[in-house]
Amino acid sequence: KCSVILEWESEDAQKNVYNEVDVMTVQGVTPYFISCKACKINTYALNELEILRNRFGGEGAVAMIVSTETCNSATRMRAAALNIQVVDLNDIRQELAT
């Protein structure tokens, strides 16, 4: 599914919080949460993706963030610490070259 809206239910329906995941898919029994960015990946995006994966996907879920910009080493380290796979512009170019 693309552009999936996830709802955090609260006791007051008017105070419910919504988040969007660009792509949600399942391979076998493994759910995948994929965030797509046309800008540099920032800590906020990584943290949000981690929370959504953990809350709605559980322990076996996979999170991935894809960007059309290059990703610096500090951001890659933060993503690795959160167990989020990163695909950036360099990865895309390398894949297209093969």
C-alpha atoms as a PDB file:
ATOM      1  CA  LYS A   1       0.000   0.000   0.000  1.00  0.00           C
ATOM      2  CA  CYS A   2       1.124   3.554  -0.680  1.00  0.00           C
ATOM      3  CA  SER A   3       0.506   6.600   1.518  1.00  0.00           C
ATOM      4  CA  VAL A   4      -0.865   4.599   4.433  1.00  0.00           C
ATOM      5  CA  ILE A   5      -2.383   6.637   7.257  1.00  0.00           C
ATOM      6  CA  LEU A   6      -1.754   5.194  10.725  1.00  0.00           C
ATOM      7  CA  GLU A   7      -3.956   6.328  13.581  1.00  0.00           C
ATOM      8  CA  TRP A   8      -2.892   6.505  17.207  1.00  0.00           C
ATOM      9  CA  GLU A   9      -6.146   6.053  19.079  1.00  0.00           C
ATOM     10  CA  SER A  10      -6.824   8.017  22.209  1.00  0.00           C
ATOM     11  CA  GLU A  11      -9.770   8.104  24.570  1.00  0.00           C
ATOM     12  CA  ASP A  12     -10.868  11.363  22.941  1.00  0.00           C
ATOM     13  CA  ALA A  13     -11.400  10.719  19.206  1.00  0.00           C
ATOM     14  CA  GLN A  14     -10.825  14.411  18.438  1.00  0.00           C
ATOM     15  CA  LYS A  15      -7.308  14.143  19.852  1.00  0.00           C
ATOM     16  CA  ASN A  16      -6.240  11.162  17.752  1.00  0.00           C
ATOM     17  CA  VAL A  17      -2.870  11.541  16.061  1.00  0.00           C
ATOM     18  CA  TYR A  18      -2.219  10.409  12.499  1.00  0.00           C
ATOM     19  CA  ASN A  19       1.032   9.575  10.737  1.00  0.00           C
ATOM     20  CA  GLU A  20       1.661   8.618   7.136  1.00  0.00           C
ATOM     21  CA  VAL A  21       3.979   5.914   5.865  1.00  0.00           C
ATOM     22  CA  ASP A  22       4.830   6.209   2.181  1.00  0.00           C
ATOM     23  CA  VAL A  23       4.924   2.456   1.542  1.00  0.00           C
ATOM     24  CA  MET A  24       3.793  -0.501   3.634  1.00  0.00           C
ATOM     25  CA  THR A  25       4.218  -4.011   2.313  1.00  0.00           C
ATOM     26  CA  VAL A  26       4.531  -7.551   3.582  1.00  0.00           C
ATOM     27  CA  GLN A  27       6.874 -10.287   2.423  1.00  0.00           C
ATOM     28  CA  GLY A  28       5.845 -13.593   3.957  1.00  0.00           C
ATOM     29  CA  VAL A  29       5.068 -12.579   7.531  1.00  0.00           C
ATOM     30  CA  THR A  30       7.510  -9.640   7.634  1.00  0.00           C
ATOM     31  CA  PRO A  31       5.993  -6.153   7.460  1.00  0.00           C
ATOM     32  CA  TYR A  32       8.057  -3.414   5.783  1.00  0.00           C
ATOM     33  CA  PHE A  33       7.698   0.294   6.519  1.00  0.00           C
ATOM     34  CA  ILE A  34       9.335   2.483   3.857  1.00  0.00           C
ATOM     35  CA  SER A  35       9.707   6.250   4.042  1.00  0.00           C
ATOM     36  CA  CYS A  36      10.553   8.119   0.824  1.00  0.00           C
ATOM     37  CA  LYS A  37      12.297  11.501   0.921  1.00  0.00           C
ATOM     38  CA  ALA A  38      13.144  14.009  -1.811  1.00  0.00           C
ATOM     39  CA  CYS A  39      15.441  15.747   0.677  1.00  0.00           C
ATOM     40  CA  LYS A  40      18.231  14.843   3.063  1.00  0.00           C
ATOM     41  CA  ILE A  41      17.363  12.336   5.754  1.00  0.00           C
ATOM     42  CA  ASN A  42      17.153  13.927   9.183  1.00  0.00           C
ATOM     43  CA  THR A  43      16.956  12.578  12.725  1.00  0.00           C
ATOM     44  CA  TYR A  44      13.276  13.469  13.021  1.00  0.00           C
ATOM     45  CA  ALA A  45      12.406  11.267  10.013  1.00  0.00           C
ATOM     46  CA  LEU A  46      14.452   8.379  11.413  1.00  0.00           C
ATOM     47  CA  ASN A  47      12.884   8.638  14.865  1.00  0.00           C
ATOM     48  CA  GLU A  48       9.358   8.809  13.429  1.00  0.00           C
ATOM     49  CA  LEU A  49       9.972   5.764  11.232  1.00  0.00           C
ATOM     50  CA  GLU A  50      11.393   3.789  14.155  1.00  0.00           C
ATOM     51  CA  ILE A  51       8.370   4.570  16.324  1.00  0.00           C
ATOM     52  CA  LEU A  52       5.906   3.627  13.576  1.00  0.00           C
ATOM     53  CA  ARG A  53       7.725   0.376  12.816  1.00  0.00           C
ATOM     54  CA  ASN A  54       7.838  -0.616  16.474  1.00  0.00           C
ATOM     55  CA  ARG A  55       4.240   0.375  17.252  1.00  0.00           C
ATOM     56  CA  PHE A  56       2.492  -0.986  14.187  1.00  0.00           C
ATOM     57  CA  GLY A  57       4.865  -3.685  12.942  1.00  0.00           C
ATOM     58  CA  GLY A  58       6.302  -5.343  16.017  1.00  0.00           C
ATOM     59  CA  GLU A  59       9.647  -7.005  16.545  1.00  0.00           C
ATOM     60  CA  GLY A  60       9.936  -8.643  13.143  1.00  0.00           C
ATOM     61  CA  ALA A  61       9.141  -5.519  11.131  1.00  0.00           C
ATOM     62  CA  VAL A  62      11.683  -3.877   8.842  1.00  0.00           C
ATOM     63  CA  ALA A  63      12.101  -0.115   8.395  1.00  0.00           C
ATOM     64  CA  MET A  64      13.745   1.488   5.383  1.00  0.00           C
ATOM     65  CA  ILE A  65      14.226   5.087   4.343  1.00  0.00           C
ATOM     66  CA  VAL A  66      14.910   6.051   0.721  1.00  0.00           C
ATOM     67  CA  SER A  67      16.227   9.471  -0.294  1.00  0.00           C
ATOM     68  CA  THR A  68      17.073  11.183  -3.562  1.00  0.00           C
ATOM     69  CA  GLU A  69      19.882  12.989  -1.700  1.00  0.00           C
ATOM     70  CA  THR A  70      23.143  11.634  -0.324  1.00  0.00           C
ATOM     71  CA  CYS A  71      23.212  10.526   3.291  1.00  0.00           C
ATOM     72  CA  ASN A  72      26.095  11.558   5.543  1.00  0.00           C
ATOM     73  CA  SER A  73      27.907   9.137   7.841  1.00  0.00           C
ATOM     74  CA  ALA A  74      26.403  10.543  11.053  1.00  0.00           C
ATOM     75  CA  THR A  75      22.889   9.969   9.726  1.00  0.00           C
ATOM     76  CA  ARG A  76      23.819   6.481   8.545  1.00  0.00           C
ATOM     77  CA  MET A  77      25.182   5.705  12.016  1.00  0.00           C
ATOM     78  CA  ARG A  78      21.958   6.949  13.634  1.00  0.00           C
ATOM     79  CA  ALA A  79      19.890   4.847  11.213  1.00  0.00           C
ATOM     80  CA  ALA A  80      22.016   1.788  11.975  1.00  0.00           C
ATOM     81  CA  ALA A  81      21.537   2.350  15.720  1.00  0.00           C
ATOM     82  CA  LEU A  82      17.772   2.368  15.114  1.00  0.00           C
ATOM     83  CA  ASN A  83      18.001  -0.681  12.818  1.00  0.00           C
ATOM     84  CA  ILE A  84      16.742   1.295   9.814  1.00  0.00           C
ATOM     85  CA  GLN A  85      18.039   0.467   6.351  1.00  0.00           C
ATOM     86  CA  VAL A  86      19.127   3.468   4.254  1.00  0.00           C
ATOM     87  CA  VAL A  87      19.017   3.775   0.469  1.00  0.00           C
ATOM     88  CA  ASP A  88      20.328   7.114  -0.792  1.00  0.00           C
ATOM     89  CA  LEU A  89      21.185   8.746  -4.115  1.00  0.00           C
ATOM     90  CA  ASN A  90      24.551   6.989  -4.304  1.00  0.00           C
ATOM     91  CA  ASP A  91      22.922   3.587  -3.788  1.00  0.00           C
ATOM     92  CA  ILE A  92      20.339   4.350  -6.467  1.00  0.00           C
ATOM     93  CA  ARG A  93      23.017   5.484  -8.948  1.00  0.00           C
ATOM     94  CA  GLN A  94      25.124   2.398  -8.214  1.00  0.00           C
ATOM     95  CA  GLU A  95      22.137   0.109  -8.785  1.00  0.00           C
ATOM     96  CA  LEU A  96      21.268   1.854 -12.068  1.00  0.00           C
ATOM     97  CA  ALA A  97      24.868   1.490 -13.276  1.00  0.00           C
ATOM     98  CA  THR A  98      24.779  -2.317 -12.956  1.00  0.00           C
END
